[in-house]
Amino acid sequence: VTARADSELRDKLGAEGYKVVIAVSALDIADGDEAYTFTVQGTDASGGNPVNVGALTLPAGAGVVGQYVIGVDAASLDKLAANVSDVELNVAVGVAGTTPSITVAAAWMAYDPL
């Protein structure tokens, strides 16, 4: 998920909220101890200084195929760069358990006018 200078969300950062939507098409919970964490990280234009701006944890054995939504505070994004069009977002996926496996079909950022 990236909000770049050519994004339709340009110049809206810092004014409202956003939702990062993650579409999961497959995941393993067979052993009941598999857990998954999605972390939204914001960086400046150089890709440096990553800051966690949102996260969601699926407890062990509780994940399902579908969409997951993480709210992102726009004010936090505004602090990452002097020019808000230089902010980039990435979604990191952490896994744990006996046989963790996950397929993320897509991820995107949606404007949330609050």
C-alpha atoms as a PDB file:
ATOM      1  CA  VAL A   1       0.000   0.000   0.000  1.00  0.00           C
ATOM      2  CA  THR A   2       1.577   3.242  -1.063  1.00  0.00           C
ATOM      3  CA  ALA A   3       0.370   6.846  -1.115  1.00  0.00           C
ATOM      4  CA  ARG A   4       2.702   8.534  -3.582  1.00  0.00           C
ATOM      5  CA  ALA A   5       2.794  11.901  -5.289  1.00  0.00           C
ATOM      6  CA  ASP A   6       0.636  10.633  -8.167  1.00  0.00           C
ATOM      7  CA  SER A   7      -1.969   9.093  -5.836  1.00  0.00           C
ATOM      8  CA  GLU A   8      -5.555  10.326  -5.778  1.00  0.00           C
ATOM      9  CA  LEU A   9      -5.051  10.670  -2.014  1.00  0.00           C
ATOM     10  CA  ARG A  10      -2.309  13.269  -2.492  1.00  0.00           C
ATOM     11  CA  ASP A  11      -2.711  16.401  -0.378  1.00  0.00           C
ATOM     12  CA  LYS A  12      -5.402  14.769   1.742  1.00  0.00           C
ATOM     13  CA  LEU A  13      -2.946  13.267   4.225  1.00  0.00           C
ATOM     14  CA  GLY A  14      -2.966  14.886   7.630  1.00  0.00           C
ATOM     15  CA  ALA A  15      -6.527  16.129   7.264  1.00  0.00           C
ATOM     16  CA  GLU A  16      -8.610  12.986   7.733  1.00  0.00           C
ATOM     17  CA  GLY A  17      -8.307   9.321   8.477  1.00  0.00           C
ATOM     18  CA  TYR A  18      -7.548   6.304   6.341  1.00  0.00           C
ATOM     19  CA  LYS A  19      -8.200   2.620   6.402  1.00  0.00           C
ATOM     20  CA  VAL A  20      -5.756   0.055   5.123  1.00  0.00           C
ATOM     21  CA  VAL A  21      -7.673  -2.933   3.772  1.00  0.00           C
ATOM     22  CA  ILE A  22      -5.910  -6.297   3.516  1.00  0.00           C
ATOM     23  CA  ALA A  23      -7.560  -9.068   1.489  1.00  0.00           C
ATOM     24  CA  VAL A  24      -6.485 -12.527   2.656  1.00  0.00           C
ATOM     25  CA  SER A  25      -7.266 -15.339   0.228  1.00  0.00           C
ATOM     26  CA  ALA A  26      -5.720 -18.227   2.202  1.00  0.00           C
ATOM     27  CA  LEU A  27      -4.229 -18.895   5.622  1.00  0.00           C
ATOM     28  CA  ASP A  28      -3.298 -21.929   7.692  1.00  0.00           C
ATOM     29  CA  ILE A  29      -4.764 -22.406  11.171  1.00  0.00           C
ATOM     30  CA  ALA A  30      -4.680 -26.232  11.093  1.00  0.00           C
ATOM     31  CA  ASP A  31      -2.609 -26.694  14.258  1.00  0.00           C
ATOM     32  CA  GLY A  32      -4.496 -24.000  16.151  1.00  0.00           C
ATOM     33  CA  ASP A  33      -1.342 -22.131  17.146  1.00  0.00           C
ATOM     34  CA  GLU A  34      -0.764 -20.132  13.947  1.00  0.00           C
ATOM     35  CA  ALA A  35      -0.977 -16.391  14.523  1.00  0.00           C
ATOM     36  CA  TYR A  36      -0.640 -13.492  12.100  1.00  0.00           C
ATOM     37  CA  THR A  37       0.156  -9.814  12.631  1.00  0.00           C
ATOM     38  CA  PHE A  38      -0.290  -7.036  10.078  1.00  0.00           C
ATOM     39  CA  THR A  39       1.704  -3.867  10.740  1.00  0.00           C
ATOM     40  CA  VAL A  40       1.258  -0.691   8.696  1.00  0.00           C
ATOM     41  CA  GLN A  41       4.561   1.145   8.495  1.00  0.00           C
ATOM     42  CA  GLY A  42       4.945   4.688   7.234  1.00  0.00           C
ATOM     43  CA  THR A  43       8.195   6.066   5.839  1.00  0.00           C
ATOM     44  CA  ASP A  44       9.431   9.290   4.353  1.00  0.00           C
ATOM     45  CA  ALA A  45      10.214   9.545   0.615  1.00  0.00           C
ATOM     46  CA  SER A  46      13.668   7.994   1.068  1.00  0.00           C
ATOM     47  CA  GLY A  47      12.092   4.876   2.568  1.00  0.00           C
ATOM     48  CA  GLY A  48      13.966   5.480   5.793  1.00  0.00           C
ATOM     49  CA  ASN A  49      12.847   5.885   9.386  1.00  0.00           C
ATOM     50  CA  PRO A  50       9.895   3.474   9.352  1.00  0.00           C
ATOM     51  CA  VAL A  51       7.228   4.196  11.959  1.00  0.00           C
ATOM     52  CA  ASN A  52       4.401   1.838  12.867  1.00  0.00           C
ATOM     53  CA  VAL A  53       1.139   3.707  12.293  1.00  0.00           C
ATOM     54  CA  GLY A  54      -1.326   0.842  12.726  1.00  0.00           C
ATOM     55  CA  ALA A  55      -1.461  -2.864  13.503  1.00  0.00           C
ATOM     56  CA  LEU A  56      -3.809  -5.819  13.779  1.00  0.00           C
ATOM     57  CA  THR A  57      -3.137  -9.236  15.296  1.00  0.00           C
ATOM     58  CA  LEU A  58      -5.126 -12.358  14.488  1.00  0.00           C
ATOM     59  CA  PRO A  59      -4.908 -14.500  17.647  1.00  0.00           C
ATOM     60  CA  ALA A  60      -3.673 -18.077  17.394  1.00  0.00           C
ATOM     61  CA  GLY A  61      -6.105 -20.227  15.431  1.00  0.00           C
ATOM     62  CA  ALA A  62      -8.586 -17.380  14.924  1.00  0.00           C
ATOM     63  CA  GLY A  63      -7.829 -16.170  11.398  1.00  0.00           C
ATOM     64  CA  VAL A  64     -10.273 -16.507   8.525  1.00  0.00           C
ATOM     65  CA  VAL A  65     -10.152 -15.788   4.819  1.00  0.00           C
ATOM     66  CA  GLY A  66     -11.544 -12.327   4.089  1.00  0.00           C
ATOM     67  CA  GLN A  67     -10.752  -8.652   4.475  1.00  0.00           C
ATOM     68  CA  TYR A  68      -9.123  -7.038   7.466  1.00  0.00           C
ATOM     69  CA  VAL A  69      -9.187  -3.293   8.110  1.00  0.00           C
ATOM     70  CA  ILE A  70      -6.640  -1.225  10.031  1.00  0.00           C
ATOM     71  CA  GLY A  71      -7.422   2.385  10.877  1.00  0.00           C
ATOM     72  CA  VAL A  72      -4.566   4.830  10.322  1.00  0.00           C
ATOM     73  CA  ASP A  73      -4.386   8.192  12.061  1.00  0.00           C
ATOM     74  CA  ALA A  74      -3.709  10.767   9.346  1.00  0.00           C
ATOM     75  CA  ALA A  75      -1.990  13.104  11.810  1.00  0.00           C
ATOM     76  CA  SER A  76       0.669  10.420  12.344  1.00  0.00           C
ATOM     77  CA  LEU A  77       1.311  10.252   8.599  1.00  0.00           C
ATOM     78  CA  ASP A  78       1.627  14.023   8.425  1.00  0.00           C
ATOM     79  CA  LYS A  79       4.547  13.897  10.890  1.00  0.00           C
ATOM     80  CA  LEU A  80       6.603  11.552   8.670  1.00  0.00           C
ATOM     81  CA  ALA A  81       7.562  14.133   6.057  1.00  0.00           C
ATOM     82  CA  ALA A  82       7.391  17.884   5.557  1.00  0.00           C
ATOM     83  CA  ASN A  83       5.638  17.275   2.234  1.00  0.00           C
ATOM     84  CA  VAL A  84       2.815  14.804   2.816  1.00  0.00           C
ATOM     85  CA  SER A  85       3.010  13.597  -0.790  1.00  0.00           C
ATOM     86  CA  ASP A  86       6.357  12.008   0.161  1.00  0.00           C
ATOM     87  CA  VAL A  87       4.847   9.574   2.680  1.00  0.00           C
ATOM     88  CA  GLU A  88       4.812   5.893   1.732  1.00  0.00           C
ATOM     89  CA  LEU A  89       2.953   3.104   3.509  1.00  0.00           C
ATOM     90  CA  ASN A  90       3.896  -0.556   3.604  1.00  0.00           C
ATOM     91  CA  VAL A  91       2.188  -3.539   5.185  1.00  0.00           C
ATOM     92  CA  ALA A  92       4.435  -6.039   6.973  1.00  0.00           C
ATOM     93  CA  VAL A  93       3.063  -9.489   7.819  1.00  0.00           C
ATOM     94  CA  GLY A  94       4.423 -11.360  10.820  1.00  0.00           C
ATOM     95  CA  VAL A  95       3.729 -15.061  11.335  1.00  0.00           C
ATOM     96  CA  ALA A  96       4.095 -17.470  14.248  1.00  0.00           C
ATOM     97  CA  GLY A  97       3.121 -21.033  15.086  1.00  0.00           C
ATOM     98  CA  THR A  98       3.758 -24.551  13.817  1.00  0.00           C
ATOM     99  CA  THR A  99       2.847 -24.215  10.114  1.00  0.00           C
ATOM    100  CA  PRO A 100       1.983 -20.582   9.414  1.00  0.00           C
ATOM    101  CA  SER A 101       1.148 -19.779   5.807  1.00  0.00           C
ATOM    102  CA  ILE A 102      -0.816 -16.825   4.467  1.00  0.00           C
ATOM    103  CA  THR A 103      -1.685 -15.455   1.038  1.00  0.00           C
ATOM    104  CA  VAL A 104      -2.422 -11.751   0.832  1.00  0.00           C
ATOM    105  CA  ALA A 105      -4.306 -11.238  -2.428  1.00  0.00           C
ATOM    106  CA  ALA A 106      -4.262  -7.442  -2.253  1.00  0.00           C
ATOM    107  CA  ALA A 107      -3.892  -4.478   0.062  1.00  0.00           C
ATOM    108  CA  TRP A 108      -5.004  -0.907  -0.445  1.00  0.00           C
ATOM    109  CA  MET A 109      -5.627   2.341   1.373  1.00  0.00           C
ATOM    110  CA  ALA A 110      -9.117   3.808   1.496  1.00  0.00           C
ATOM    111  CA  TYR A 111      -9.980   7.386   2.365  1.00  0.00           C
ATOM    112  CA  ASP A 112     -12.051   7.658   5.548  1.00  0.00           C
ATOM    113  CA  PRO A 113     -13.658  11.109   5.880  1.00  0.00           C
ATOM    114  CA  LEU A 114     -14.432  10.376   9.536  1.00  0.00           C
END
